[in-house]
Amino acid sequence: MSDAQHSADHQKEHDSLIKTPNQLIAVVVAAFVVPVIAIILLVKNVGTDARAGAGTEAMSTEAIALRIQPVGRVQIKLAGGPLRSGEEVFKAQCGACHAAGLAGAPKFADAPAWAPRLKSGYDALLTSALKGKNAMSPQGGGEFNDTEIGRAVVYMANAAGGTFAEPKAPAAAASAP
């Protein structure tokens, strides 16, 4: 091979597609603009559409409100409100164990189970209810005052054959001078 032919082959290998300065500027600008436009289109398509499917309700107004609600609430219970009946207290607190006889509790209206307890009298039953006995916690674990607990004791005892009178509401305390 001659040097001229070798030089021509070598020149063809190194020829560039960019032959003028204007072409060079156009290629450089396109190298920056095309990726930026592609990124903008991807972000717009992926980031802002509302999706449907499992787990997508996490950003709904209701879900956000549920997540940021207060952990606890303060409830002020005013003294002197109406007293609840023995049946109401039984259903709310005592019935959980006494209805089914759980943890050794005598079943409601089970006369043989209540007979020895009825013999001990109302005061002994009330003391057991207020201070707790065996698996039963004090006041049955509830939020009731002593009179309401006494009414529940009378309700359960009388259902099993007792003849106790329901305790009356305590007299209003004298106002402070």
N, C-alpha and C. Protein backbone atom coordinates (compact mmCIF):
# COMPACT_ATOMS: atom_id res chain seq x y z
N MET A 1 0.82 -1.16 0.00
CA MET A 1 0.00 0.00 0.00
C MET A 1 0.87 1.23 0.00
N SER A 2 0.33 2.19 -0.63
CA SER A 2 1.10 3.44 -0.72
C SER A 2 0.73 4.33 0.44
N ASP A 3 1.56 5.29 0.66
CA ASP A 3 1.32 6.21 1.76
C ASP A 3 0.09 7.07 1.49
N ALA A 4 -0.21 7.40 0.25
CA ALA A 4 -1.36 8.23 -0.08
C ALA A 4 -2.66 7.51 0.23
N GLN A 5 -2.71 6.23 -0.11
CA GLN A 5 -3.93 5.47 0.17
C GLN A 5 -4.09 5.28 1.66
N HIS A 6 -3.00 5.02 2.35
CA HIS A 6 -3.06 4.85 3.79
C HIS A 6 -3.51 6.14 4.46
N SER A 7 -3.07 7.25 3.99
CA SER A 7 -3.45 8.55 4.53
C SER A 7 -4.93 8.83 4.27
N ALA A 8 -5.48 8.44 3.14
CA ALA A 8 -6.90 8.65 2.83
C ALA A 8 -7.77 7.79 3.72
N ASP A 9 -7.38 6.53 3.94
CA ASP A 9 -8.15 5.65 4.82
C ASP A 9 -8.14 6.18 6.26
N HIS A 10 -6.99 6.69 6.66
CA HIS A 10 -6.85 7.22 8.00
C HIS A 10 -7.71 8.48 8.17
N GLN A 11 -7.81 9.30 7.16
CA GLN A 11 -8.61 10.52 7.18
C GLN A 11 -10.09 10.19 7.30
N LYS A 12 -10.57 9.11 6.61
CA LYS A 12 -11.98 8.72 6.67
C LYS A 12 -12.36 8.29 8.08
N GLU A 13 -11.46 7.64 8.78
CA GLU A 13 -11.75 7.20 10.14
C GLU A 13 -11.94 8.36 11.09
N HIS A 14 -11.26 9.47 10.88
CA HIS A 14 -11.29 10.60 11.81
C HIS A 14 -12.19 11.73 11.35
N ASP A 15 -12.94 11.55 10.33
CA ASP A 15 -13.87 12.59 9.90
C ASP A 15 -14.99 12.71 10.93
N SER A 16 -15.34 13.90 11.26
CA SER A 16 -16.39 14.16 12.26
C SER A 16 -17.68 14.52 11.56
N LEU A 17 -18.80 14.26 12.25
CA LEU A 17 -20.10 14.67 11.72
C LEU A 17 -20.27 16.18 11.86
N ILE A 18 -19.61 16.77 12.81
CA ILE A 18 -19.67 18.20 13.04
C ILE A 18 -18.57 18.85 12.20
N LYS A 19 -18.99 19.64 11.23
CA LYS A 19 -18.03 20.22 10.32
C LYS A 19 -17.91 21.73 10.48
N THR A 20 -18.93 22.37 11.13
CA THR A 20 -18.89 23.83 11.29
C THR A 20 -19.10 24.18 12.76
N PRO A 21 -18.73 25.36 13.16
CA PRO A 21 -18.94 25.80 14.55
C PRO A 21 -20.43 25.86 14.92
N ASN A 22 -21.30 26.20 13.98
CA ASN A 22 -22.74 26.24 14.26
C ASN A 22 -23.27 24.85 14.60
N GLN A 23 -22.76 23.82 13.91
CA GLN A 23 -23.17 22.46 14.21
C GLN A 23 -22.69 22.07 15.61
N LEU A 24 -21.51 22.50 15.99
CA LEU A 24 -20.97 22.19 17.32
C LEU A 24 -21.85 22.82 18.40
N ILE A 25 -22.25 24.06 18.21
CA ILE A 25 -23.11 24.74 19.19
C ILE A 25 -24.46 24.03 19.29
N ALA A 26 -25.02 23.62 18.19
CA ALA A 26 -26.31 22.93 18.19
C ALA A 26 -26.22 21.60 18.93
N VAL A 27 -25.15 20.86 18.76
CA VAL A 27 -24.98 19.57 19.41
C VAL A 27 -24.81 19.76 20.93
N VAL A 28 -24.03 20.76 21.33
CA VAL A 28 -23.82 21.02 22.76
C VAL A 28 -25.13 21.42 23.44
N VAL A 29 -25.90 22.31 22.81
CA VAL A 29 -27.19 22.74 23.36
C VAL A 29 -28.14 21.54 23.44
N ALA A 30 -28.20 20.73 22.43
CA ALA A 30 -29.09 19.57 22.43
C ALA A 30 -28.67 18.57 23.51
N ALA A 31 -27.37 18.45 23.77
CA ALA A 31 -26.88 17.53 24.79
C ALA A 31 -27.37 17.94 26.19
N PHE A 32 -27.61 19.22 26.41
CA PHE A 32 -28.13 19.67 27.70
C PHE A 32 -29.66 19.74 27.73
N VAL A 33 -30.25 20.20 26.67
CA VAL A 33 -31.70 20.45 26.64
C VAL A 33 -32.50 19.14 26.58
N VAL A 34 -32.09 18.19 25.78
CA VAL A 34 -32.86 16.95 25.62
C VAL A 34 -32.97 16.19 26.95
N PRO A 35 -31.89 15.97 27.71
CA PRO A 35 -32.04 15.27 29.00
C PRO A 35 -32.90 16.05 30.01
N VAL A 36 -32.77 17.38 30.01
CA VAL A 36 -33.57 18.19 30.94
C VAL A 36 -35.06 18.04 30.60
N ILE A 37 -35.41 18.09 29.35
CA ILE A 37 -36.81 17.93 28.95
C ILE A 37 -37.29 16.52 29.29
N ALA A 38 -36.45 15.52 29.10
CA ALA A 38 -36.83 14.15 29.43
C ALA A 38 -37.08 14.01 30.94
N ILE A 39 -36.25 14.62 31.77
CA ILE A 39 -36.43 14.55 33.22
C ILE A 39 -37.71 15.26 33.63
N ILE A 40 -37.98 16.42 33.07
CA ILE A 40 -39.20 17.17 33.39
C ILE A 40 -40.44 16.35 33.04
N LEU A 41 -40.45 15.73 31.89
CA LEU A 41 -41.60 14.92 31.49
C LEU A 41 -41.79 13.71 32.41
N LEU A 42 -40.69 13.07 32.80
CA LEU A 42 -40.79 11.93 33.71
C LEU A 42 -41.34 12.34 35.08
N VAL A 43 -40.83 13.44 35.60
CA VAL A 43 -41.30 13.90 36.92
C VAL A 43 -42.76 14.28 36.85
N LYS A 44 -43.16 14.95 35.82
CA LYS A 44 -44.56 15.34 35.68
C LYS A 44 -45.46 14.11 35.58
N ASN A 45 -45.04 13.11 34.86
CA ASN A 45 -45.84 11.90 34.68
C ASN A 45 -45.89 11.05 35.95
N VAL A 46 -44.77 10.91 36.64
CA VAL A 46 -44.69 10.01 37.78
C VAL A 46 -45.15 10.67 39.08
N GLY A 47 -44.83 11.92 39.30
CA GLY A 47 -44.98 12.52 40.60
C GLY A 47 -46.33 13.10 40.95
N THR A 48 -47.16 13.51 40.04
CA THR A 48 -48.35 14.27 40.40
C THR A 48 -49.67 13.57 40.14
N ASP A 49 -49.67 12.45 39.50
CA ASP A 49 -50.93 11.79 39.20
C ASP A 49 -51.50 11.10 40.44
N ALA A 50 -52.80 11.18 40.61
CA ALA A 50 -53.47 10.44 41.67
C ALA A 50 -53.59 8.99 41.21
N ARG A 51 -53.19 8.10 42.05
CA ARG A 51 -53.21 6.69 41.69
C ARG A 51 -54.37 5.99 42.37
N ALA A 52 -54.86 4.98 41.76
CA ALA A 52 -55.91 4.15 42.35
C ALA A 52 -55.33 2.79 42.64
N GLY A 53 -55.69 2.23 43.77
CA GLY A 53 -55.20 0.90 44.11
C GLY A 53 -54.94 0.80 45.59
N ALA A 54 -54.46 -0.32 46.01
CA ALA A 54 -54.22 -0.59 47.43
C ALA A 54 -53.17 0.36 47.98
N GLY A 55 -53.47 0.97 49.14
CA GLY A 55 -52.51 1.84 49.81
C GLY A 55 -52.51 3.27 49.33
N THR A 56 -53.32 3.61 48.35
CA THR A 56 -53.29 4.97 47.82
C THR A 56 -54.15 5.93 48.62
N GLU A 57 -54.97 5.43 49.52
CA GLU A 57 -55.83 6.32 50.30
C GLU A 57 -55.08 6.92 51.48
N ALA A 58 -53.80 6.66 51.62
CA ALA A 58 -53.03 7.18 52.75
C ALA A 58 -52.93 8.69 52.75
N MET A 59 -53.03 9.31 51.61
CA MET A 59 -52.93 10.77 51.54
C MET A 59 -54.30 11.43 51.40
N SER A 60 -55.37 10.69 51.61
CA SER A 60 -56.69 11.29 51.54
C SER A 60 -56.90 12.19 52.76
N THR A 61 -57.83 13.11 52.65
CA THR A 61 -58.10 14.05 53.73
C THR A 61 -58.53 13.32 54.99
N GLU A 62 -59.35 12.29 54.84
CA GLU A 62 -59.82 11.55 56.01
C GLU A 62 -58.68 10.80 56.68
N ALA A 63 -57.81 10.19 55.90
CA ALA A 63 -56.70 9.43 56.47
C ALA A 63 -55.72 10.35 57.20
N ILE A 64 -55.48 11.51 56.65
CA ILE A 64 -54.58 12.47 57.30
C ILE A 64 -55.21 12.96 58.60
N ALA A 65 -56.49 13.29 58.57
CA ALA A 65 -57.17 13.76 59.78
C ALA A 65 -57.14 12.69 60.86
N LEU A 66 -57.29 11.44 60.49
CA LEU A 66 -57.25 10.35 61.45
C LEU A 66 -55.86 10.20 62.08
N ARG A 67 -54.81 10.42 61.28
CA ARG A 67 -53.45 10.29 61.79
C ARG A 67 -53.06 11.42 62.72
N ILE A 68 -53.59 12.61 62.51
CA ILE A 68 -53.17 13.75 63.31
C ILE A 68 -54.15 14.12 64.41
N GLN A 69 -55.14 13.29 64.65
CA GLN A 69 -56.09 13.58 65.73
C GLN A 69 -55.39 13.45 67.08
N PRO A 70 -55.93 14.10 68.10
CA PRO A 70 -55.31 14.03 69.43
C PRO A 70 -55.30 12.60 69.95
N VAL A 71 -54.27 12.30 70.74
CA VAL A 71 -54.12 10.96 71.28
C VAL A 71 -55.13 10.71 72.39
N GLY A 72 -55.36 11.69 73.23
CA GLY A 72 -56.29 11.53 74.34
C GLY A 72 -57.24 12.70 74.43
N ARG A 73 -58.24 12.54 75.22
CA ARG A 73 -59.21 13.61 75.44
C ARG A 73 -59.43 13.75 76.94
N VAL A 74 -59.72 14.95 77.36
CA VAL A 74 -60.02 15.21 78.75
C VAL A 74 -61.53 15.34 78.88
N GLN A 75 -62.09 14.56 79.79
CA GLN A 75 -63.52 14.62 80.04
C GLN A 75 -63.70 14.99 81.49
N ILE A 76 -64.40 16.08 81.71
CA ILE A 76 -64.64 16.54 83.07
C ILE A 76 -65.99 16.02 83.52
N LYS A 77 -65.96 15.27 84.61
CA LYS A 77 -67.19 14.70 85.15
C LYS A 77 -67.57 15.53 86.35
N LEU A 78 -68.70 16.18 86.26
CA LEU A 78 -69.14 17.03 87.34
C LEU A 78 -69.80 16.20 88.43
N ALA A 79 -69.45 16.52 89.66
CA ALA A 79 -70.06 15.83 90.79
C ALA A 79 -71.51 16.30 90.91
N GLY A 80 -72.31 15.45 91.43
CA GLY A 80 -73.70 15.83 91.65
C GLY A 80 -74.61 15.52 90.47
N GLY A 81 -74.11 14.82 89.48
CA GLY A 81 -74.96 14.44 88.35
C GLY A 81 -75.93 13.35 88.78
N PRO A 82 -76.82 12.98 87.92
CA PRO A 82 -77.78 11.94 88.29
C PRO A 82 -77.06 10.61 88.51
N LEU A 83 -77.47 9.91 89.57
CA LEU A 83 -76.89 8.61 89.87
C LEU A 83 -77.47 7.55 88.94
N ARG A 84 -76.63 6.62 88.57
CA ARG A 84 -77.08 5.52 87.72
C ARG A 84 -77.72 4.43 88.57
N SER A 85 -78.62 3.72 87.96
CA SER A 85 -79.32 2.64 88.68
C SER A 85 -78.41 1.43 88.82
N GLY A 86 -78.81 0.51 89.69
CA GLY A 86 -78.04 -0.71 89.88
C GLY A 86 -77.95 -1.53 88.60
N GLU A 87 -79.02 -1.55 87.82
CA GLU A 87 -79.02 -2.31 86.57
C GLU A 87 -78.05 -1.69 85.57
N GLU A 88 -78.01 -0.36 85.50
CA GLU A 88 -77.08 0.32 84.57
C GLU A 88 -75.64 0.03 84.94
N VAL A 89 -75.32 0.09 86.23
CA VAL A 89 -73.95 -0.18 86.68
C VAL A 89 -73.61 -1.65 86.43
N PHE A 90 -74.55 -2.54 86.68
CA PHE A 90 -74.31 -3.97 86.44
C PHE A 90 -73.99 -4.20 84.97
N LYS A 91 -74.80 -3.63 84.08
CA LYS A 91 -74.57 -3.84 82.64
C LYS A 91 -73.25 -3.23 82.19
N ALA A 92 -72.90 -2.07 82.74
CA ALA A 92 -71.68 -1.39 82.31
C ALA A 92 -70.42 -2.01 82.88
N GLN A 93 -70.47 -2.51 84.13
CA GLN A 93 -69.25 -2.94 84.78
C GLN A 93 -69.30 -4.38 85.29
N CYS A 94 -70.30 -4.70 86.08
CA CYS A 94 -70.32 -5.97 86.80
C CYS A 94 -70.66 -7.15 85.89
N GLY A 95 -71.48 -6.91 84.89
CA GLY A 95 -71.96 -7.98 84.04
C GLY A 95 -70.88 -8.71 83.28
N ALA A 96 -69.74 -8.07 83.07
CA ALA A 96 -68.65 -8.71 82.32
C ALA A 96 -68.24 -10.04 82.97
N CYS A 97 -68.20 -10.07 84.30
CA CYS A 97 -67.81 -11.30 84.99
C CYS A 97 -69.02 -12.03 85.58
N HIS A 98 -69.95 -11.28 86.18
CA HIS A 98 -71.06 -11.92 86.89
C HIS A 98 -72.10 -12.52 85.95
N ALA A 99 -72.20 -12.08 84.72
CA ALA A 99 -73.16 -12.67 83.78
C ALA A 99 -72.74 -14.10 83.40
N ALA A 100 -71.43 -14.33 83.28
CA ALA A 100 -70.95 -15.64 82.86
C ALA A 100 -70.29 -16.43 83.99
N GLY A 101 -70.09 -15.79 85.14
CA GLY A 101 -69.44 -16.48 86.25
C GLY A 101 -67.94 -16.61 86.06
N LEU A 102 -67.31 -15.64 85.45
CA LEU A 102 -65.86 -15.69 85.19
C LEU A 102 -65.06 -15.46 86.46
N ALA A 103 -63.90 -16.07 86.56
CA ALA A 103 -62.93 -15.89 87.65
C ALA A 103 -63.55 -16.13 89.02
N GLY A 104 -64.48 -17.05 89.12
CA GLY A 104 -65.08 -17.40 90.40
C GLY A 104 -66.19 -16.46 90.85
N ALA A 105 -66.60 -15.54 90.01
CA ALA A 105 -67.68 -14.61 90.36
C ALA A 105 -69.00 -15.37 90.35
N PRO A 106 -69.86 -15.13 91.35
CA PRO A 106 -71.17 -15.79 91.34
C PRO A 106 -72.02 -15.26 90.19
N LYS A 107 -72.67 -16.15 89.46
CA LYS A 107 -73.49 -15.73 88.32
C LYS A 107 -74.69 -14.92 88.79
N PHE A 108 -75.10 -14.03 87.91
CA PHE A 108 -76.27 -13.20 88.19
C PHE A 108 -77.49 -14.10 88.36
N ALA A 109 -78.27 -13.87 89.42
CA ALA A 109 -79.53 -14.57 89.72
C ALA A 109 -79.32 -16.05 90.04
N ASP A 110 -78.10 -16.45 90.38
CA ASP A 110 -77.82 -17.84 90.78
C ASP A 110 -77.95 -17.93 92.31
N ALA A 111 -79.15 -18.27 92.78
CA ALA A 111 -79.46 -18.26 94.22
C ALA A 111 -78.51 -19.13 95.04
N PRO A 112 -78.19 -20.37 94.64
CA PRO A 112 -77.27 -21.18 95.45
C PRO A 112 -75.88 -20.54 95.59
N ALA A 113 -75.39 -19.90 94.53
CA ALA A 113 -74.07 -19.28 94.59
C ALA A 113 -74.08 -18.01 95.45
N TRP A 114 -75.20 -17.31 95.49
CA TRP A 114 -75.30 -16.07 96.24
C TRP A 114 -75.73 -16.29 97.70
N ALA A 115 -76.30 -17.45 98.03
CA ALA A 115 -76.85 -17.68 99.37
C ALA A 115 -75.84 -17.40 100.50
N PRO A 116 -74.61 -17.95 100.46
CA PRO A 116 -73.68 -17.65 101.56
C PRO A 116 -73.29 -16.17 101.60
N ARG A 117 -73.25 -15.52 100.46
CA ARG A 117 -72.90 -14.10 100.41
C ARG A 117 -74.04 -13.24 100.97
N LEU A 118 -75.28 -13.65 100.69
CA LEU A 118 -76.43 -12.90 101.19
C LEU A 118 -76.51 -12.98 102.71
N LYS A 119 -76.09 -14.11 103.28
CA LYS A 119 -76.10 -14.27 104.74
C LYS A 119 -75.13 -13.31 105.41
N SER A 120 -74.05 -12.96 104.72
CA SER A 120 -73.07 -12.04 105.32
C SER A 120 -73.61 -10.61 105.40
N GLY A 121 -74.63 -10.29 104.63
CA GLY A 121 -75.27 -8.98 104.73
C GLY A 121 -74.79 -8.00 103.67
N TYR A 122 -75.57 -6.93 103.58
CA TYR A 122 -75.31 -5.89 102.57
C TYR A 122 -73.97 -5.21 102.80
N ASP A 123 -73.65 -4.89 104.05
CA ASP A 123 -72.40 -4.16 104.32
C ASP A 123 -71.17 -4.97 103.91
N ALA A 124 -71.18 -6.26 104.14
CA ALA A 124 -70.04 -7.11 103.74
C ALA A 124 -69.94 -7.19 102.23
N LEU A 125 -71.08 -7.29 101.55
CA LEU A 125 -71.07 -7.33 100.08
C LEU A 125 -70.57 -6.01 99.50
N LEU A 126 -71.04 -4.91 100.09
CA LEU A 126 -70.60 -3.59 99.60
C LEU A 126 -69.11 -3.40 99.83
N THR A 127 -68.61 -3.83 100.99
CA THR A 127 -67.17 -3.70 101.27
C THR A 127 -66.36 -4.51 100.27
N SER A 128 -66.82 -5.72 99.97
CA SER A 128 -66.11 -6.54 98.97
C SER A 128 -66.10 -5.87 97.61
N ALA A 129 -67.23 -5.26 97.25
CA ALA A 129 -67.31 -4.59 95.94
C ALA A 129 -66.44 -3.35 95.89
N LEU A 130 -66.41 -2.59 96.99
CA LEU A 130 -65.63 -1.35 97.00
C LEU A 130 -64.13 -1.58 97.13
N LYS A 131 -63.74 -2.58 97.90
CA LYS A 131 -62.31 -2.82 98.15
C LYS A 131 -61.74 -3.93 97.27
N GLY A 132 -62.60 -4.70 96.65
CA GLY A 132 -62.15 -5.80 95.81
C GLY A 132 -62.04 -7.08 96.60
N LYS A 133 -62.18 -8.18 95.89
CA LYS A 133 -62.08 -9.48 96.55
C LYS A 133 -61.65 -10.51 95.51
N ASN A 134 -60.67 -11.31 95.85
CA ASN A 134 -60.12 -12.33 94.95
C ASN A 134 -59.73 -11.68 93.62
N ALA A 135 -60.32 -12.09 92.51
CA ALA A 135 -59.94 -11.55 91.20
C ALA A 135 -60.62 -10.22 90.88
N MET A 136 -61.61 -9.83 91.69
CA MET A 136 -62.34 -8.59 91.43
C MET A 136 -61.55 -7.41 91.99
N SER A 137 -61.33 -6.42 91.14
CA SER A 137 -60.60 -5.23 91.56
C SER A 137 -61.52 -4.29 92.33
N PRO A 138 -60.98 -3.34 93.06
CA PRO A 138 -61.81 -2.39 93.80
C PRO A 138 -62.81 -1.68 92.87
N GLN A 139 -64.02 -1.51 93.35
CA GLN A 139 -65.14 -0.92 92.62
C GLN A 139 -65.38 -1.66 91.32
N GLY A 140 -64.96 -2.88 91.24
CA GLY A 140 -65.15 -3.66 90.03
C GLY A 140 -64.34 -3.12 88.88
N GLY A 141 -63.39 -2.23 89.15
CA GLY A 141 -62.56 -1.65 88.10
C GLY A 141 -63.23 -0.53 87.37
N GLY A 142 -64.33 0.00 87.89
CA GLY A 142 -65.11 1.00 87.14
C GLY A 142 -64.90 2.42 87.60
N GLU A 143 -65.76 3.29 87.11
CA GLU A 143 -65.67 4.72 87.37
C GLU A 143 -66.90 5.20 88.14
N PHE A 144 -67.46 4.36 88.97
CA PHE A 144 -68.72 4.66 89.64
C PHE A 144 -68.47 5.07 91.08
N ASN A 145 -69.38 5.88 91.62
CA ASN A 145 -69.22 6.28 93.02
C ASN A 145 -69.77 5.17 93.93
N ASP A 146 -69.57 5.34 95.22
CA ASP A 146 -69.93 4.29 96.18
C ASP A 146 -71.42 3.99 96.17
N THR A 147 -72.25 5.00 96.02
CA THR A 147 -73.70 4.79 96.01
C THR A 147 -74.10 3.96 94.79
N GLU A 148 -73.51 4.25 93.63
CA GLU A 148 -73.83 3.49 92.42
C GLU A 148 -73.36 2.04 92.55
N ILE A 149 -72.19 1.82 93.15
CA ILE A 149 -71.72 0.46 93.38
C ILE A 149 -72.67 -0.25 94.34
N GLY A 150 -73.13 0.46 95.37
CA GLY A 150 -74.09 -0.12 96.31
C GLY A 150 -75.38 -0.51 95.62
N ARG A 151 -75.84 0.31 94.69
CA ARG A 151 -77.06 -0.02 93.94
C ARG A 151 -76.85 -1.27 93.09
N ALA A 152 -75.67 -1.42 92.51
CA ALA A 152 -75.39 -2.62 91.70
C ALA A 152 -75.35 -3.86 92.58
N VAL A 153 -74.78 -3.73 93.79
CA VAL A 153 -74.74 -4.85 94.72
C VAL A 153 -76.16 -5.28 95.08
N VAL A 154 -77.02 -4.31 95.39
CA VAL A 154 -78.41 -4.60 95.73
C VAL A 154 -79.12 -5.25 94.54
N TYR A 155 -78.89 -4.75 93.34
CA TYR A 155 -79.52 -5.30 92.13
C TYR A 155 -79.15 -6.77 91.96
N MET A 156 -77.86 -7.09 92.10
CA MET A 156 -77.42 -8.48 91.92
C MET A 156 -77.91 -9.37 93.05
N ALA A 157 -77.82 -8.86 94.29
CA ALA A 157 -78.23 -9.66 95.44
C ALA A 157 -79.73 -9.94 95.40
N ASN A 158 -80.52 -8.94 95.09
CA ASN A 158 -81.98 -9.11 95.06
C ASN A 158 -82.40 -10.03 93.91
N ALA A 159 -81.66 -10.05 92.81
CA ALA A 159 -81.97 -10.96 91.71
C ALA A 159 -81.73 -12.41 92.11
N ALA A 160 -80.89 -12.62 93.14
CA ALA A 160 -80.59 -13.98 93.61
C ALA A 160 -81.39 -14.33 94.85
N GLY A 161 -82.36 -13.50 95.22
CA GLY A 161 -83.21 -13.83 96.36
C GLY A 161 -83.02 -12.93 97.57
N GLY A 162 -82.16 -11.94 97.50
CA GLY A 162 -81.96 -11.01 98.62
C GLY A 162 -83.11 -10.03 98.72
N THR A 163 -83.17 -9.35 99.86
CA THR A 163 -84.24 -8.36 100.08
C THR A 163 -83.64 -7.04 100.58
N PHE A 164 -82.56 -6.62 99.99
CA PHE A 164 -81.90 -5.39 100.42
C PHE A 164 -82.60 -4.18 99.80
N ALA A 165 -82.59 -3.07 100.55
CA ALA A 165 -83.16 -1.81 100.04
C ALA A 165 -82.07 -1.08 99.25
N GLU A 166 -82.47 -0.45 98.17
CA GLU A 166 -81.51 0.28 97.34
C GLU A 166 -81.04 1.52 98.08
N PRO A 167 -79.73 1.77 98.11
CA PRO A 167 -79.23 2.96 98.82
C PRO A 167 -79.71 4.24 98.14
N LYS A 168 -79.99 5.22 98.97
CA LYS A 168 -80.46 6.52 98.46
C LYS A 168 -79.26 7.40 98.15
N ALA A 169 -79.51 8.41 97.35
CA ALA A 169 -78.46 9.37 97.02
C ALA A 169 -78.06 10.12 98.28
N PRO A 170 -76.77 10.38 98.50
CA PRO A 170 -76.35 11.11 99.68
C PRO A 170 -76.90 12.53 99.65
N ALA A 171 -77.11 13.08 100.83
CA ALA A 171 -77.62 14.44 100.92
C ALA A 171 -76.57 15.39 100.37
N ALA A 172 -77.03 16.47 99.78
CA ALA A 172 -76.11 17.45 99.19
C ALA A 172 -75.25 18.04 100.30
N ALA A 173 -73.98 18.19 100.03
CA ALA A 173 -73.04 18.74 101.01
C ALA A 173 -73.36 20.20 101.24
N ALA A 174 -73.15 20.63 102.47
CA ALA A 174 -73.42 22.04 102.80
C ALA A 174 -72.45 22.92 102.04
N SER A 175 -72.94 24.04 101.58
CA SER A 175 -72.05 24.93 100.80
C SER A 175 -71.05 25.59 101.71
N ALA A 176 -69.88 25.83 101.21
CA ALA A 176 -68.80 26.43 101.99
C ALA A 176 -69.13 27.88 102.29
N PRO A 177 -68.79 28.38 103.50
CA PRO A 177 -69.09 29.76 103.85
C PRO A 177 -68.26 30.73 103.05
